[in-house]
Amino acid sequence: MIGIIGLLLVGYAFFSGSLSSDSISGSAEPLMKRAKEDLANCKGIDKEKIAVAVVRAVNWPDTSLGCTEPGMVYARVITRGYRILLSYDGKIYEYHSGQGGRVIYCQQ
């Protein structure tokens, strides 16, 4: 089961968008922390039970960070950030970040 989840995560990370780098800089640490805190608050769980599955540097094509909402208008400017996949209780939760430390849950 763990092997299957691992293969799914690797495949998802590889095929899911414009990845600019496999390396994680120190700037991703606070963003991962914010994402874990948000998920813990939303689910009412201990943030220590949430695992970071994948973190990838991304160049988003606009300020929606890849999470467009109907009726919203976004600036078409390359926005550097991260795709953060968190794992809890066998489920994957996707967060996107951008410049200025913005972190959002992206339900796809």
N, C-alpha and C. Protein backbone atom coordinates (compact mmCIF):
# COMPACT_ATOMS: atom_id res chain seq x y z
N MET A 1 0.83 -1.19 0.00
CA MET A 1 0.00 0.00 0.00
C MET A 1 0.87 1.26 0.00
N ILE A 2 1.89 1.29 0.85
CA ILE A 2 2.77 2.46 0.91
C ILE A 2 3.49 2.63 -0.42
N GLY A 3 3.91 1.52 -1.02
CA GLY A 3 4.58 1.59 -2.32
C GLY A 3 3.69 2.17 -3.40
N ILE A 4 2.44 1.79 -3.40
CA ILE A 4 1.49 2.31 -4.39
C ILE A 4 1.28 3.80 -4.20
N ILE A 5 1.12 4.24 -2.97
CA ILE A 5 0.95 5.67 -2.69
C ILE A 5 2.19 6.42 -3.13
N GLY A 6 3.37 5.87 -2.86
CA GLY A 6 4.61 6.51 -3.28
C GLY A 6 4.69 6.66 -4.79
N LEU A 7 4.33 5.62 -5.52
CA LEU A 7 4.34 5.69 -6.98
C LEU A 7 3.34 6.71 -7.50
N LEU A 8 2.18 6.77 -6.87
CA LEU A 8 1.18 7.76 -7.28
C LEU A 8 1.67 9.18 -7.05
N LEU A 9 2.32 9.41 -5.92
CA LEU A 9 2.85 10.75 -5.63
C LEU A 9 3.93 11.15 -6.61
N VAL A 10 4.82 10.23 -6.91
CA VAL A 10 5.90 10.54 -7.86
C VAL A 10 5.32 10.83 -9.23
N GLY A 11 4.38 10.00 -9.68
CA GLY A 11 3.74 10.23 -10.97
C GLY A 11 2.99 11.55 -11.01
N TYR A 12 2.27 11.85 -9.95
CA TYR A 12 1.52 13.09 -9.87
C TYR A 12 2.45 14.29 -9.94
N ALA A 13 3.51 14.25 -9.15
CA ALA A 13 4.46 15.37 -9.12
C ALA A 13 5.13 15.56 -10.47
N PHE A 14 5.40 14.46 -11.17
CA PHE A 14 6.09 14.54 -12.45
C PHE A 14 5.20 15.10 -13.55
N PHE A 15 3.93 14.70 -13.58
CA PHE A 15 3.05 15.07 -14.68
C PHE A 15 2.11 16.23 -14.38
N SER A 16 2.23 16.89 -13.24
CA SER A 16 1.19 17.83 -12.85
C SER A 16 1.49 19.30 -13.12
N GLY A 17 2.48 19.65 -13.89
CA GLY A 17 2.61 21.06 -14.20
C GLY A 17 4.03 21.49 -14.46
N SER A 18 4.18 22.82 -14.54
CA SER A 18 5.45 23.42 -14.92
C SER A 18 6.39 23.51 -13.72
N LEU A 19 7.16 22.49 -13.51
CA LEU A 19 8.08 22.46 -12.40
C LEU A 19 9.38 23.11 -12.82
N SER A 20 9.90 24.02 -11.99
CA SER A 20 11.12 24.70 -12.36
C SER A 20 12.34 24.13 -11.69
N SER A 21 12.17 23.36 -10.60
CA SER A 21 13.33 22.87 -9.87
C SER A 21 12.92 21.75 -8.94
N ASP A 22 13.82 20.80 -8.74
CA ASP A 22 13.57 19.73 -7.79
C ASP A 22 14.11 20.07 -6.41
N SER A 23 14.91 21.09 -6.32
CA SER A 23 15.53 21.41 -5.04
C SER A 23 14.62 22.31 -4.20
N ILE A 24 14.74 22.16 -2.90
CA ILE A 24 13.94 22.96 -1.98
C ILE A 24 14.87 23.90 -1.24
N SER A 25 14.60 25.17 -1.35
CA SER A 25 15.42 26.15 -0.65
C SER A 25 14.86 26.40 0.74
N GLY A 26 15.60 27.09 1.54
CA GLY A 26 15.15 27.42 2.89
C GLY A 26 13.87 28.24 2.89
N SER A 27 13.59 28.93 1.78
CA SER A 27 12.38 29.75 1.72
C SER A 27 11.11 28.91 1.71
N ALA A 28 11.21 27.62 1.40
CA ALA A 28 10.03 26.76 1.38
C ALA A 28 9.63 26.31 2.78
N GLU A 29 10.54 26.31 3.71
CA GLU A 29 10.24 25.82 5.06
C GLU A 29 9.07 26.54 5.72
N PRO A 30 9.05 27.87 5.77
CA PRO A 30 7.90 28.53 6.40
C PRO A 30 6.59 28.30 5.65
N LEU A 31 6.67 28.11 4.34
CA LEU A 31 5.47 27.86 3.54
C LEU A 31 4.90 26.48 3.84
N MET A 32 5.78 25.50 4.00
CA MET A 32 5.33 24.15 4.37
C MET A 32 4.69 24.18 5.76
N LYS A 33 5.27 24.96 6.65
CA LYS A 33 4.74 25.08 8.01
C LYS A 33 3.34 25.69 7.98
N ARG A 34 3.15 26.76 7.18
CA ARG A 34 1.84 27.40 7.06
C ARG A 34 0.81 26.44 6.47
N ALA A 35 1.22 25.68 5.47
CA ALA A 35 0.30 24.73 4.84
C ALA A 35 -0.13 23.66 5.85
N LYS A 36 0.82 23.14 6.62
CA LYS A 36 0.49 22.13 7.63
C LYS A 36 -0.43 22.72 8.70
N GLU A 37 -0.16 23.95 9.12
CA GLU A 37 -1.02 24.59 10.13
C GLU A 37 -2.43 24.78 9.60
N ASP A 38 -2.56 25.18 8.33
CA ASP A 38 -3.88 25.37 7.74
C ASP A 38 -4.65 24.06 7.69
N LEU A 39 -3.99 23.00 7.22
CA LEU A 39 -4.65 21.70 7.13
C LEU A 39 -5.04 21.20 8.52
N ALA A 40 -4.16 21.37 9.49
CA ALA A 40 -4.45 20.94 10.86
C ALA A 40 -5.67 21.69 11.42
N ASN A 41 -5.74 23.00 11.17
CA ASN A 41 -6.87 23.81 11.64
C ASN A 41 -8.17 23.40 10.95
N CYS A 42 -8.10 23.18 9.63
CA CYS A 42 -9.30 22.81 8.87
C CYS A 42 -9.84 21.44 9.27
N LYS A 43 -8.94 20.50 9.54
CA LYS A 43 -9.34 19.13 9.86
C LYS A 43 -9.44 18.87 11.37
N GLY A 44 -8.98 19.82 12.18
CA GLY A 44 -9.01 19.64 13.63
C GLY A 44 -8.09 18.53 14.09
N ILE A 45 -6.89 18.48 13.52
CA ILE A 45 -5.93 17.43 13.84
C ILE A 45 -4.61 18.02 14.31
N ASP A 46 -3.76 17.19 14.86
CA ASP A 46 -2.43 17.59 15.29
C ASP A 46 -1.55 17.75 14.06
N LYS A 47 -0.92 18.92 13.90
CA LYS A 47 -0.11 19.16 12.71
C LYS A 47 1.10 18.24 12.63
N GLU A 48 1.50 17.67 13.75
CA GLU A 48 2.63 16.74 13.75
C GLU A 48 2.28 15.42 13.06
N LYS A 49 1.00 15.16 12.86
CA LYS A 49 0.57 13.93 12.19
C LYS A 49 0.47 14.10 10.67
N ILE A 50 0.76 15.29 10.19
CA ILE A 50 0.70 15.58 8.76
C ILE A 50 2.11 15.46 8.19
N ALA A 51 2.23 14.71 7.11
CA ALA A 51 3.54 14.53 6.46
C ALA A 51 3.61 15.38 5.20
N VAL A 52 4.80 15.91 4.93
CA VAL A 52 5.04 16.60 3.67
C VAL A 52 5.47 15.53 2.68
N ALA A 53 4.64 15.29 1.67
CA ALA A 53 4.90 14.24 0.68
C ALA A 53 5.82 14.72 -0.43
N VAL A 54 5.51 15.89 -0.99
CA VAL A 54 6.28 16.44 -2.11
C VAL A 54 6.27 17.96 -2.01
N VAL A 55 7.41 18.57 -2.28
CA VAL A 55 7.49 20.02 -2.41
C VAL A 55 8.30 20.30 -3.67
N ARG A 56 7.74 21.08 -4.57
CA ARG A 56 8.42 21.40 -5.82
C ARG A 56 8.33 22.89 -6.09
N ALA A 57 9.42 23.48 -6.55
CA ALA A 57 9.42 24.86 -6.99
C ALA A 57 8.65 24.94 -8.30
N VAL A 58 7.82 25.97 -8.45
CA VAL A 58 6.96 26.12 -9.62
C VAL A 58 6.96 27.57 -10.06
N ASN A 59 6.87 27.77 -11.36
CA ASN A 59 6.60 29.10 -11.91
C ASN A 59 5.15 29.09 -12.37
N TRP A 60 4.26 29.69 -11.56
CA TRP A 60 2.84 29.75 -11.90
C TRP A 60 2.66 30.75 -13.03
N PRO A 61 1.73 30.50 -13.98
CA PRO A 61 1.56 31.41 -15.12
C PRO A 61 0.85 32.72 -14.78
N ASP A 62 0.22 32.78 -13.62
CA ASP A 62 -0.46 34.00 -13.21
C ASP A 62 -0.61 34.01 -11.69
N THR A 63 -1.25 35.05 -11.16
CA THR A 63 -1.35 35.21 -9.71
C THR A 63 -2.41 34.32 -9.07
N SER A 64 -3.08 33.47 -9.86
CA SER A 64 -4.03 32.51 -9.27
C SER A 64 -3.29 31.36 -8.60
N LEU A 65 -2.02 31.24 -8.85
CA LEU A 65 -1.18 30.15 -8.33
C LEU A 65 -1.70 28.79 -8.76
N GLY A 66 -2.32 28.74 -9.94
CA GLY A 66 -2.83 27.48 -10.45
C GLY A 66 -4.16 27.06 -9.88
N CYS A 67 -4.80 27.95 -9.14
CA CYS A 67 -6.09 27.64 -8.49
C CYS A 67 -7.11 28.72 -8.85
N THR A 68 -7.52 28.73 -10.09
CA THR A 68 -8.44 29.78 -10.55
C THR A 68 -9.83 29.58 -9.95
N GLU A 69 -10.49 30.69 -9.71
CA GLU A 69 -11.86 30.68 -9.21
C GLU A 69 -12.75 31.37 -10.24
N PRO A 70 -13.94 30.82 -10.49
CA PRO A 70 -14.85 31.44 -11.46
C PRO A 70 -15.14 32.89 -11.09
N GLY A 71 -15.14 33.75 -12.10
CA GLY A 71 -15.47 35.15 -11.89
C GLY A 71 -14.32 36.01 -11.42
N MET A 72 -13.18 35.42 -11.14
CA MET A 72 -12.02 36.18 -10.67
C MET A 72 -11.11 36.51 -11.85
N VAL A 73 -10.40 37.63 -11.75
CA VAL A 73 -9.44 38.05 -12.76
C VAL A 73 -8.07 38.04 -12.11
N TYR A 74 -7.08 37.49 -12.82
CA TYR A 74 -5.74 37.35 -12.27
C TYR A 74 -4.73 38.02 -13.19
N ALA A 75 -3.72 38.62 -12.58
CA ALA A 75 -2.64 39.25 -13.35
C ALA A 75 -1.83 38.16 -14.04
N ARG A 76 -1.59 38.36 -15.32
CA ARG A 76 -0.80 37.40 -16.10
C ARG A 76 0.68 37.74 -15.93
N VAL A 77 1.22 37.26 -14.84
CA VAL A 77 2.63 37.48 -14.55
C VAL A 77 3.18 36.20 -13.94
N ILE A 78 4.35 35.80 -14.41
CA ILE A 78 4.97 34.59 -13.86
C ILE A 78 5.18 34.80 -12.36
N THR A 79 4.65 33.88 -11.58
CA THR A 79 4.71 33.98 -10.13
C THR A 79 5.45 32.77 -9.58
N ARG A 80 6.59 33.01 -8.99
CA ARG A 80 7.38 31.92 -8.43
C ARG A 80 6.76 31.46 -7.12
N GLY A 81 6.81 30.16 -6.91
CA GLY A 81 6.26 29.61 -5.67
C GLY A 81 6.54 28.13 -5.56
N TYR A 82 5.69 27.43 -4.82
CA TYR A 82 5.87 26.01 -4.58
C TYR A 82 4.54 25.28 -4.67
N ARG A 83 4.60 24.04 -5.11
CA ARG A 83 3.49 23.09 -5.02
C ARG A 83 3.84 22.20 -3.83
N ILE A 84 2.97 22.17 -2.83
CA ILE A 84 3.21 21.43 -1.60
C ILE A 84 2.12 20.37 -1.46
N LEU A 85 2.51 19.12 -1.44
CA LEU A 85 1.56 18.02 -1.25
C LEU A 85 1.74 17.48 0.16
N LEU A 86 0.67 17.54 0.92
CA LEU A 86 0.67 17.03 2.29
C LEU A 86 -0.11 15.73 2.34
N SER A 87 0.28 14.86 3.24
CA SER A 87 -0.38 13.56 3.39
C SER A 87 -0.88 13.42 4.82
N TYR A 88 -2.15 13.00 4.93
CA TYR A 88 -2.73 12.71 6.23
C TYR A 88 -3.79 11.63 6.06
N ASP A 89 -3.70 10.60 6.85
CA ASP A 89 -4.71 9.53 6.88
C ASP A 89 -4.96 8.94 5.49
N GLY A 90 -3.89 8.75 4.72
CA GLY A 90 -4.00 8.14 3.40
C GLY A 90 -4.49 9.04 2.30
N LYS A 91 -4.68 10.32 2.58
CA LYS A 91 -5.17 11.28 1.58
C LYS A 91 -4.09 12.33 1.31
N ILE A 92 -4.12 12.86 0.09
CA ILE A 92 -3.19 13.91 -0.31
C ILE A 92 -3.93 15.24 -0.40
N TYR A 93 -3.33 16.27 0.15
CA TYR A 93 -3.89 17.62 0.13
C TYR A 93 -2.87 18.53 -0.56
N GLU A 94 -3.35 19.29 -1.55
CA GLU A 94 -2.45 20.11 -2.35
C GLU A 94 -2.56 21.58 -1.97
N TYR A 95 -1.40 22.16 -1.68
CA TYR A 95 -1.29 23.59 -1.38
C TYR A 95 -0.38 24.23 -2.41
N HIS A 96 -0.68 25.48 -2.76
CA HIS A 96 0.15 26.25 -3.68
C HIS A 96 0.60 27.51 -2.96
N SER A 97 1.82 27.93 -3.23
CA SER A 97 2.33 29.16 -2.63
C SER A 97 2.82 30.09 -3.73
N GLY A 98 2.95 31.35 -3.35
CA GLY A 98 3.45 32.35 -4.28
C GLY A 98 4.34 33.34 -3.59
N GLN A 99 4.66 34.39 -4.30
CA GLN A 99 5.51 35.43 -3.75
C GLN A 99 4.82 36.08 -2.56
N GLY A 100 5.59 36.53 -1.63
CA GLY A 100 5.03 37.18 -0.45
C GLY A 100 4.55 36.21 0.61
N GLY A 101 4.78 34.91 0.42
CA GLY A 101 4.42 33.93 1.43
C GLY A 101 2.98 33.47 1.42
N ARG A 102 2.23 33.81 0.39
CA ARG A 102 0.83 33.38 0.28
C ARG A 102 0.77 31.87 0.07
N VAL A 103 -0.05 31.18 0.87
CA VAL A 103 -0.23 29.73 0.76
C VAL A 103 -1.73 29.46 0.71
N ILE A 104 -2.17 28.70 -0.32
CA ILE A 104 -3.60 28.41 -0.44
C ILE A 104 -3.80 26.92 -0.69
N TYR A 105 -4.91 26.42 -0.16
CA TYR A 105 -5.32 25.04 -0.43
C TYR A 105 -5.93 25.04 -1.82
N CYS A 106 -5.47 24.13 -2.66
CA CYS A 106 -5.93 24.09 -4.05
C CYS A 106 -6.64 22.77 -4.29
N GLN A 107 -7.95 22.82 -4.24
CA GLN A 107 -8.77 21.63 -4.45
C GLN A 107 -8.98 21.46 -5.95
N GLN A 108 -8.41 20.42 -6.53
CA GLN A 108 -8.46 20.25 -7.98
C GLN A 108 -9.47 19.20 -8.38
